[in-house]
Amino acid sequence: MIKKIKTDDVRLGMYIHEIRGNWLEHPFWRKSFKLNAQKDLNTLIKCGVDEVWIDTSKGLDVIMPETDQLEIPIPSTQEAPVETPAPVRKSIAPVAIEQELTSAKEIHHKAKEAVITMFNDVRMGKALDISEAESLVDEISQSIERNSDALLSLVRLKTVDEYTYLHSVAVCMLMVALGKQLGFSGEQLRQAGVAGLLHDIGKMAIPNEVLNKPGKLTDDEFMVIRSHPQRGWEILKSCYQVKESTLDVCLHHHERVDGRGYPEKISGDALSLFARMGAVCDVYDAISSARCYKKAWEPAEAIHKMATWKDGHFDETVFYAFVKTIGIYPNGTFLKLKSGRLGVVIEQSKKSLTTPIVKVFFSTRTDMHIPVEILDLSEVTDSIEHIEDPKHWHFDISAIQGIL
């Protein structure tokens, strides 16, 4: 039975059927879920929502006694990721983005060099060393735990020539950040990162003249490109160290929940959670990156476009979690504020997805550079007027990234 109750009457063990209002205005990315954790109950009570709808057929009623906590369900999967115990380590304290950015840049460069080496080894028929990938993912995970905005602000730093390598680095970072949003930890989080790092390794089996062709592909060339998930799966399958989650994402990151993807056209519950995550991260980075045959979409434009694809392309729950991971205005988004100032999103606000932290540096009213200032839009009277095209003001991506 579905019933509406006061938020003050919510208790552990209830099944939240719906939290009324825009999903962006409350702190939960799931549409419905079993309420099991005390911290989630505390968050719900404090988030300003007066009423919720519960499903008494799936959880406790208002008048029923509290029962033992149960496990929160995740999106259905063919093979739900199983977390193996990770070594106990001290929790990592969060730091400011300025403090983490130097380390993040070093990790980003190290990741690029490692991927280039691994991919070139595969192209030459050498064995793949998965342990190096796992060690790299651990560093990425720790950086994201210290400050996720630092590494994620570097996702778009790639040239056309380096796209294949840095796309894999970016997807790895996005998979780790998304995994944290979904509650992953330990080995489960490491698997998500390694899967992202190696998801496109099949492109090493594609001739460069096809992979990097600037013009329109022929039908035969298009089929060759579409073979890279299968080719990657075959490469990884020969390595005894590779886990099933990595094989799964490699083979299925171009599948869709409606079954219209490739190579196997599987859909719905047949797609694992890892594969659904890989599909979202892969598409976001691909469409927000410049390629030899197309221009990049701005980060916020990419999110908007993906949100309009309501034809079964992505798993809705995973996509909502992804948006909460990188924001409505992802790091690197170029904005015009109502004050007439131009700025770049450098960090996400903890208060709202619609009020990021922006570094302003130019005035459209005077047509001049101004002293750089960092604004938390959740704490100032200024606000976003619209997303701006940096090229309109004769700024290029590298110049904008240099401001971060």
Protein backbone atom coordinates (compact mmCIF):
# COMPACT_ATOMS: atom_id res chain seq x y z
CA MET A 1 0.00 0.00 0.00
CA ILE A 2 1.30 3.46 -0.96
CA LYS A 3 0.68 6.15 1.66
CA LYS A 4 1.83 9.69 2.39
CA ILE A 5 3.32 10.37 5.82
CA LYS A 6 5.05 13.20 7.64
CA THR A 7 8.83 13.08 7.41
CA ASP A 8 8.99 13.17 11.21
CA ASP A 9 7.16 9.82 11.24
CA VAL A 10 9.70 8.07 9.00
CA ARG A 11 11.62 5.23 10.65
CA LEU A 12 14.32 2.77 9.71
CA GLY A 13 12.96 -0.22 7.79
CA MET A 14 10.45 1.81 5.77
CA TYR A 15 10.48 1.68 1.99
CA ILE A 16 10.56 5.20 0.57
CA HIS A 17 8.40 5.06 -2.55
CA GLU A 18 8.85 8.71 -3.52
CA ILE A 19 10.23 11.98 -2.20
CA ARG A 20 8.09 14.68 -3.68
CA GLY A 21 9.77 17.56 -5.47
CA ASN A 22 12.61 17.88 -7.96
CA TRP A 23 15.21 15.18 -7.35
CA LEU A 24 17.93 17.84 -7.60
CA GLU A 25 16.58 19.61 -4.54
CA HIS A 26 17.02 16.74 -2.09
CA PRO A 27 20.19 14.77 -1.26
CA PHE A 28 19.06 11.33 -2.49
CA TRP A 29 19.84 10.16 -6.03
CA ARG A 30 17.53 7.12 -5.82
CA LYS A 31 13.86 7.53 -6.70
CA SER A 32 12.85 4.85 -4.20
CA PHE A 33 14.79 2.82 -1.67
CA LYS A 34 14.70 0.90 1.58
CA LEU A 35 15.67 3.20 4.45
CA ASN A 36 18.21 1.27 6.48
CA ALA A 37 21.03 3.59 7.49
CA GLN A 38 20.68 6.01 10.40
CA LYS A 39 22.69 8.64 8.54
CA ASP A 40 20.18 8.51 5.66
CA LEU A 41 17.29 8.90 8.10
CA ASN A 42 19.00 11.90 9.70
CA THR A 43 19.62 13.43 6.27
CA LEU A 44 15.99 12.94 5.23
CA ILE A 45 14.68 14.59 8.39
CA LYS A 46 17.01 17.60 8.01
CA CYS A 47 16.73 18.17 4.21
CA GLY A 48 13.57 20.28 4.39
CA VAL A 49 11.11 17.79 2.87
CA ASP A 50 7.86 17.78 4.87
CA GLU A 51 6.22 14.63 3.49
CA VAL A 52 7.21 11.43 1.73
CA TRP A 53 5.34 8.48 0.21
CA ILE A 54 6.08 5.01 1.58
CA ASP A 55 5.21 1.53 0.29
CA THR A 56 4.07 -0.62 3.21
CA SER A 57 4.20 -3.77 1.04
CA LYS A 58 7.98 -3.40 0.84
CA GLY A 59 8.79 -1.98 4.27
CA LEU A 60 7.44 -0.91 7.64
CA ASP A 61 4.24 1.02 8.21
CA VAL A 62 4.03 4.00 10.56
CA ILE A 63 2.43 2.00 13.36
CA MET A 64 4.61 -1.08 12.94
CA PRO A 65 7.55 -1.74 15.27
CA GLU A 66 11.06 -1.12 14.03
CA THR A 67 12.84 -4.20 12.67
CA ASP A 68 16.43 -5.07 12.01
CA GLN A 69 18.15 -3.19 9.28
CA LEU A 70 18.27 -4.72 5.82
CA GLU A 71 20.61 -4.17 2.92
CA ILE A 72 19.78 -1.26 0.60
CA PRO A 73 19.01 -2.61 -2.88
CA ILE A 74 21.02 -1.40 -5.86
CA PRO A 75 19.89 -1.40 -9.51
CA SER A 76 19.32 -4.99 -10.63
CA THR A 77 22.32 -6.59 -12.29
CA GLN A 78 23.21 -9.79 -14.05
CA GLU A 79 26.13 -10.21 -11.72
CA ALA A 80 26.08 -7.74 -8.83
CA PRO A 81 29.59 -6.68 -7.86
CA VAL A 82 30.79 -8.52 -4.77
CA GLU A 83 33.14 -6.64 -2.53
CA THR A 84 36.05 -8.54 -1.07
CA PRO A 85 37.53 -7.24 2.17
CA ALA A 86 40.12 -4.56 1.55
CA PRO A 87 43.06 -3.88 3.86
CA VAL A 88 42.05 -1.65 6.73
CA ARG A 89 43.48 1.84 6.32
CA LYS A 90 43.07 5.15 8.02
CA SER A 91 40.35 7.40 6.65
CA ILE A 92 41.58 10.10 4.29
CA ALA A 93 40.91 13.66 5.43
CA PRO A 94 39.39 16.02 2.86
CA VAL A 95 41.49 18.96 1.66
CA ALA A 96 40.83 22.14 -0.34
CA ILE A 97 40.92 21.90 -4.13
CA GLU A 98 43.96 24.21 -4.30
CA GLN A 99 45.87 21.85 -2.02
CA GLU A 100 44.95 18.72 -3.98
CA LEU A 101 45.33 20.13 -7.49
CA THR A 102 49.13 19.69 -7.65
CA SER A 103 48.86 16.02 -6.66
CA ALA A 104 45.92 15.56 -9.03
CA LYS A 105 47.94 16.91 -11.97
CA GLU A 106 50.80 14.54 -11.14
CA ILE A 107 48.42 11.58 -10.93
CA HIS A 108 46.75 12.61 -14.20
CA HIS A 109 50.11 12.76 -15.99
CA LYS A 110 51.23 9.48 -14.44
CA ALA A 111 47.97 7.83 -15.52
CA LYS A 112 48.38 9.07 -19.09
CA GLU A 113 51.92 7.70 -19.33
CA ALA A 114 50.85 4.37 -17.81
CA VAL A 115 47.94 3.97 -20.24
CA ILE A 116 50.14 4.84 -23.22
CA THR A 117 52.63 2.18 -22.11
CA MET A 118 49.97 -0.48 -21.45
CA PHE A 119 48.12 0.17 -24.71
CA ASN A 120 51.30 0.21 -26.80
CA ASP A 121 52.41 -3.04 -25.16
CA VAL A 122 49.11 -4.58 -26.20
CA ARG A 123 49.50 -3.24 -29.74
CA MET A 124 52.89 -4.97 -29.91
CA GLY A 125 51.53 -8.22 -28.51
CA LYS A 126 53.11 -7.97 -25.05
CA ALA A 127 51.44 -9.18 -21.86
CA LEU A 128 49.33 -6.72 -19.88
CA ASP A 129 50.36 -5.93 -16.28
CA ILE A 130 47.09 -5.45 -14.38
CA SER A 131 48.85 -4.80 -11.07
CA GLU A 132 50.11 -1.47 -12.40
CA ALA A 133 46.55 -0.50 -13.34
CA GLU A 134 45.26 -1.43 -9.88
CA SER A 135 47.98 0.59 -8.17
CA LEU A 136 47.14 3.58 -10.35
CA VAL A 137 43.42 3.29 -9.57
CA ASP A 138 44.22 3.28 -5.85
CA GLU A 139 46.05 6.60 -6.24
CA ILE A 140 43.13 8.03 -8.22
CA SER A 141 40.67 6.83 -5.60
CA GLN A 142 42.65 8.43 -2.77
CA SER A 143 42.89 11.74 -4.63
CA ILE A 144 39.14 11.74 -5.26
CA GLU A 145 38.53 10.99 -1.60
CA ARG A 146 40.69 13.96 -0.58
CA ASN A 147 38.91 16.27 -3.06
CA SER A 148 36.97 14.90 -6.01
CA ASP A 149 36.85 18.26 -7.81
CA ALA A 150 40.62 18.40 -8.30
CA LEU A 151 40.96 15.33 -10.55
CA LEU A 152 37.56 15.79 -12.19
CA SER A 153 38.56 19.32 -13.23
CA LEU A 154 41.29 17.71 -15.38
CA VAL A 155 39.01 15.32 -17.25
CA ARG A 156 38.78 17.55 -20.33
CA LEU A 157 42.54 18.12 -20.57
CA LYS A 158 43.22 16.18 -23.73
CA THR A 159 44.37 16.86 -27.27
CA VAL A 160 42.92 15.16 -30.33
CA ASP A 161 46.11 13.11 -30.75
CA GLU A 162 45.97 11.87 -27.16
CA TYR A 163 42.23 11.22 -27.07
CA THR A 164 42.30 7.40 -27.01
CA TYR A 165 44.65 7.34 -24.01
CA LEU A 166 43.25 10.23 -22.00
CA HIS A 167 39.67 9.14 -22.67
CA SER A 168 40.52 5.93 -20.82
CA VAL A 169 42.06 7.92 -17.96
CA ALA A 170 38.98 10.15 -17.80
CA VAL A 171 36.53 7.24 -17.80
CA CYS A 172 38.56 5.62 -15.01
CA MET A 173 38.32 8.77 -12.89
CA LEU A 174 34.60 9.15 -13.61
CA MET A 175 33.95 5.48 -12.77
CA VAL A 176 35.72 5.86 -9.41
CA ALA A 177 33.84 9.06 -8.55
CA LEU A 178 30.51 7.53 -9.63
CA GLY A 179 31.30 4.37 -7.68
CA LYS A 180 31.79 6.44 -4.53
CA GLN A 181 28.44 8.12 -5.15
CA LEU A 182 26.84 4.68 -5.43
CA GLY A 183 28.41 3.54 -2.17
CA PHE A 184 31.31 1.46 -3.52
CA SER A 185 34.45 0.98 -1.46
CA GLY A 186 37.56 -1.19 -1.29
CA GLU A 187 37.91 -3.87 -3.96
CA GLN A 188 34.58 -2.98 -5.52
CA LEU A 189 35.76 0.58 -6.15
CA ARG A 190 39.10 -0.66 -7.49
CA GLN A 191 37.29 -2.90 -9.96
CA ALA A 192 35.22 0.03 -11.23
CA GLY A 193 38.38 2.07 -11.83
CA VAL A 194 40.32 -0.69 -13.58
CA ALA A 195 37.29 -1.43 -15.77
CA GLY A 196 37.17 2.23 -16.81
CA LEU A 197 40.91 2.36 -17.46
CA LEU A 198 40.84 -0.68 -19.79
CA HIS A 199 37.35 -0.39 -21.33
CA ASP A 200 38.66 0.83 -24.71
CA ILE A 201 41.75 -1.34 -24.98
CA GLY A 202 40.19 -3.06 -28.01
CA LYS A 203 40.93 0.10 -30.01
CA MET A 204 44.56 -1.04 -30.06
CA ALA A 205 43.41 -3.75 -32.49
CA ILE A 206 41.88 -1.14 -34.84
CA PRO A 207 44.09 0.24 -37.65
CA ASN A 208 45.13 3.85 -36.93
CA GLU A 209 43.92 5.04 -40.32
CA VAL A 210 40.40 3.94 -39.35
CA LEU A 211 40.57 4.88 -35.66
CA ASN A 212 41.79 8.43 -36.36
CA LYS A 213 40.09 9.08 -39.69
CA PRO A 214 38.97 12.74 -39.76
CA GLY A 215 36.31 12.24 -42.41
CA LYS A 216 33.15 10.18 -42.55
CA LEU A 217 33.66 6.44 -42.11
CA THR A 218 32.55 4.00 -44.77
CA ASP A 219 30.11 1.27 -43.74
CA ASP A 220 32.95 -1.23 -43.60
CA GLU A 221 35.12 1.11 -41.50
CA PHE A 222 32.21 1.75 -39.14
CA MET A 223 31.85 -1.99 -38.60
CA VAL A 224 35.58 -2.23 -37.85
CA ILE A 225 35.25 0.51 -35.20
CA ARG A 226 32.24 -1.24 -33.68
CA SER A 227 34.32 -4.39 -33.28
CA HIS A 228 36.53 -2.82 -30.59
CA PRO A 229 34.49 -4.06 -27.57
CA GLN A 230 34.77 -7.66 -28.76
CA ARG A 231 38.44 -7.24 -29.69
CA GLY A 232 39.14 -5.72 -26.27
CA TRP A 233 37.34 -8.58 -24.52
CA GLU A 234 39.50 -11.08 -26.42
CA ILE A 235 42.69 -9.22 -25.44
CA LEU A 236 41.73 -9.03 -21.75
CA LYS A 237 40.41 -12.60 -21.64
CA SER A 238 43.91 -13.87 -22.36
CA CYS A 239 45.23 -12.19 -19.20
CA TYR A 240 44.64 -14.34 -16.10
CA GLN A 241 44.73 -11.30 -13.78
CA VAL A 242 41.71 -9.58 -15.33
CA LYS A 243 38.50 -9.73 -13.30
CA GLU A 244 35.06 -10.39 -14.74
CA SER A 245 33.96 -6.82 -14.04
CA THR A 246 36.68 -5.48 -16.36
CA LEU A 247 35.77 -7.96 -19.10
CA ASP A 248 32.11 -7.02 -18.68
CA VAL A 249 32.62 -3.25 -19.05
CA CYS A 250 35.01 -3.74 -21.97
CA LEU A 251 32.46 -5.83 -23.86
CA HIS A 252 29.28 -3.99 -22.87
CA HIS A 253 30.04 -0.27 -22.46
CA HIS A 254 28.24 0.44 -25.75
CA GLU A 255 25.10 -1.50 -24.80
CA ARG A 256 21.87 0.35 -23.97
CA VAL A 257 19.17 -0.51 -21.46
CA ASP A 258 16.62 -0.70 -24.30
CA GLY A 259 18.68 -3.32 -26.15
CA ARG A 260 19.66 -1.11 -29.10
CA GLY A 261 23.37 -0.98 -28.32
CA TYR A 262 26.18 -3.27 -29.46
CA PRO A 263 27.80 -5.78 -29.78
CA GLU A 264 25.29 -8.17 -28.16
CA LYS A 265 22.16 -5.97 -27.97
CA ILE A 266 21.48 -7.07 -24.40
CA SER A 267 19.15 -4.98 -22.25
CA GLY A 268 17.46 -4.49 -18.91
CA ASP A 269 18.50 -6.77 -16.08
CA ALA A 270 20.99 -8.55 -18.34
CA LEU A 271 23.24 -5.48 -18.07
CA SER A 272 25.38 -5.40 -14.94
CA LEU A 273 25.69 -2.30 -12.78
CA PHE A 274 29.32 -1.95 -13.87
CA ALA A 275 28.27 -1.98 -17.55
CA ARG A 276 25.57 0.64 -16.93
CA MET A 277 28.12 2.84 -15.17
CA GLY A 278 30.61 2.38 -18.00
CA ALA A 279 28.04 3.40 -20.62
CA VAL A 280 27.29 6.72 -18.88
CA CYS A 281 30.93 7.61 -18.16
CA ASP A 282 32.09 6.66 -21.66
CA VAL A 283 29.43 8.72 -23.45
CA TYR A 284 29.87 11.79 -21.23
CA ASP A 285 33.61 11.99 -21.80
CA ALA A 286 33.30 11.20 -25.51
CA ILE A 287 30.79 13.95 -26.30
CA SER A 288 32.55 16.54 -24.10
CA SER A 289 35.92 15.94 -25.81
CA ALA A 290 37.21 17.27 -29.12
CA ARG A 291 37.76 14.56 -31.72
CA CYS A 292 39.41 14.58 -35.12
CA TYR A 293 35.93 14.58 -36.70
CA LYS A 294 33.86 16.72 -34.29
CA LYS A 295 33.96 19.59 -31.83
CA ALA A 296 33.52 19.06 -28.11
CA TRP A 297 30.29 19.87 -26.34
CA GLU A 298 30.64 21.98 -23.22
CA PRO A 299 30.29 19.88 -20.01
CA ALA A 300 26.91 21.33 -19.01
CA GLU A 301 25.64 20.96 -22.58
CA ALA A 302 26.74 17.31 -22.57
CA ILE A 303 24.80 16.65 -19.35
CA HIS A 304 21.73 18.42 -20.75
CA LYS A 305 21.84 16.42 -23.98
CA MET A 306 22.22 13.13 -22.13
CA ALA A 307 19.29 14.01 -19.87
CA THR A 308 17.06 14.48 -22.92
CA TRP A 309 17.81 11.00 -24.26
CA LYS A 310 14.78 9.41 -22.63
CA ASP A 311 14.55 6.57 -25.13
CA GLY A 312 16.26 3.95 -22.99
CA HIS A 313 19.86 4.87 -23.64
CA PHE A 314 21.01 4.93 -19.99
CA ASP A 315 19.93 3.44 -16.71
CA GLU A 316 18.03 6.32 -15.10
CA THR A 317 19.19 5.66 -11.55
CA VAL A 318 22.85 5.45 -12.57
CA PHE A 319 22.55 8.61 -14.69
CA TYR A 320 21.01 10.58 -11.80
CA ALA A 321 23.85 9.42 -9.54
CA PHE A 322 26.33 10.51 -12.23
CA VAL A 323 24.80 14.00 -12.38
CA LYS A 324 25.07 14.28 -8.61
CA THR A 325 28.71 13.22 -8.95
CA ILE A 326 29.83 15.89 -11.42
CA GLY A 327 27.07 18.49 -11.06
CA ILE A 328 24.58 20.24 -13.33
CA TYR A 329 27.44 22.56 -14.26
CA PRO A 330 30.47 20.21 -14.29
CA ASN A 331 33.96 21.48 -13.55
CA GLY A 332 35.27 23.36 -16.56
CA THR A 333 31.87 24.79 -17.55
CA PHE A 334 32.21 28.37 -18.83
CA LEU A 335 29.50 30.61 -17.39
CA LYS A 336 28.20 34.16 -17.63
CA LEU A 337 26.84 35.50 -14.34
CA LYS A 338 24.05 38.05 -14.00
CA SER A 339 26.67 40.57 -12.87
CA GLY A 340 28.18 40.33 -16.35
CA ARG A 341 31.26 38.49 -15.15
CA LEU A 342 32.62 35.41 -16.93
CA GLY A 343 34.00 32.49 -15.01
CA VAL A 344 34.83 28.80 -14.95
CA VAL A 345 33.31 26.23 -12.61
CA ILE A 346 36.14 24.87 -10.48
CA GLU A 347 34.29 23.01 -7.74
CA GLN A 348 30.84 21.72 -6.80
CA SER A 349 28.99 23.23 -3.87
CA LYS A 350 27.99 20.87 -1.07
CA LYS A 351 24.72 22.81 -0.71
CA SER A 352 23.18 22.62 -4.17
CA LEU A 353 23.94 21.25 -7.64
CA THR A 354 22.73 24.52 -9.16
CA THR A 355 25.16 26.79 -7.28
CA PRO A 356 28.73 25.68 -8.07
CA ILE A 357 31.93 27.44 -7.06
CA VAL A 358 33.14 29.66 -9.90
CA LYS A 359 36.43 31.41 -10.60
CA VAL A 360 35.60 34.71 -12.35
CA PHE A 361 38.23 36.58 -14.35
CA PHE A 362 36.55 38.71 -17.05
CA SER A 363 33.88 41.43 -17.25
CA THR A 364 31.58 41.56 -20.27
CA ARG A 365 30.53 45.09 -19.31
CA THR A 366 34.04 46.53 -19.57
CA ASP A 367 35.31 43.89 -22.02
CA MET A 368 38.39 43.52 -19.84
CA HIS A 369 40.06 41.05 -17.55
CA ILE A 370 39.36 41.63 -13.87
CA PRO A 371 41.17 40.42 -10.73
CA VAL A 372 40.52 36.69 -10.32
CA GLU A 373 37.94 35.97 -7.64
CA ILE A 374 36.44 32.71 -6.38
CA LEU A 375 32.67 32.82 -5.79
CA ASP A 376 30.57 30.22 -4.02
CA LEU A 377 27.25 30.91 -5.72
CA SER A 378 25.38 29.39 -2.78
CA GLU A 379 26.67 32.25 -0.59
CA VAL A 380 26.57 35.35 -2.84
CA THR A 381 23.81 37.37 -4.49
CA ASP A 382 25.24 36.83 -7.97
CA SER A 383 23.86 33.90 -9.97
CA ILE A 384 24.17 32.10 -13.30
CA GLU A 385 22.68 33.84 -16.32
CA HIS A 386 23.58 31.16 -18.85
CA ILE A 387 26.29 28.86 -20.15
CA GLU A 388 28.64 30.80 -22.40
CA ASP A 389 30.71 29.72 -25.40
CA PRO A 390 34.36 30.52 -24.60
CA LYS A 391 35.15 30.89 -28.30
CA HIS A 392 32.69 33.79 -28.51
CA TRP A 393 35.10 35.67 -26.25
CA HIS A 394 38.15 34.32 -28.08
CA PHE A 395 39.14 31.98 -25.25
CA ASP A 396 40.22 28.46 -26.15
CA ILE A 397 39.89 25.38 -23.96
CA SER A 398 43.58 25.33 -23.04
CA ALA A 399 43.40 28.96 -21.90
CA ILE A 400 40.30 28.26 -19.84
CA GLN A 401 41.87 25.18 -18.27
CA GLY A 402 44.93 27.26 -17.44
CA ILE A 403 42.74 29.42 -15.22
CA LEU A 404 41.75 26.45 -13.05
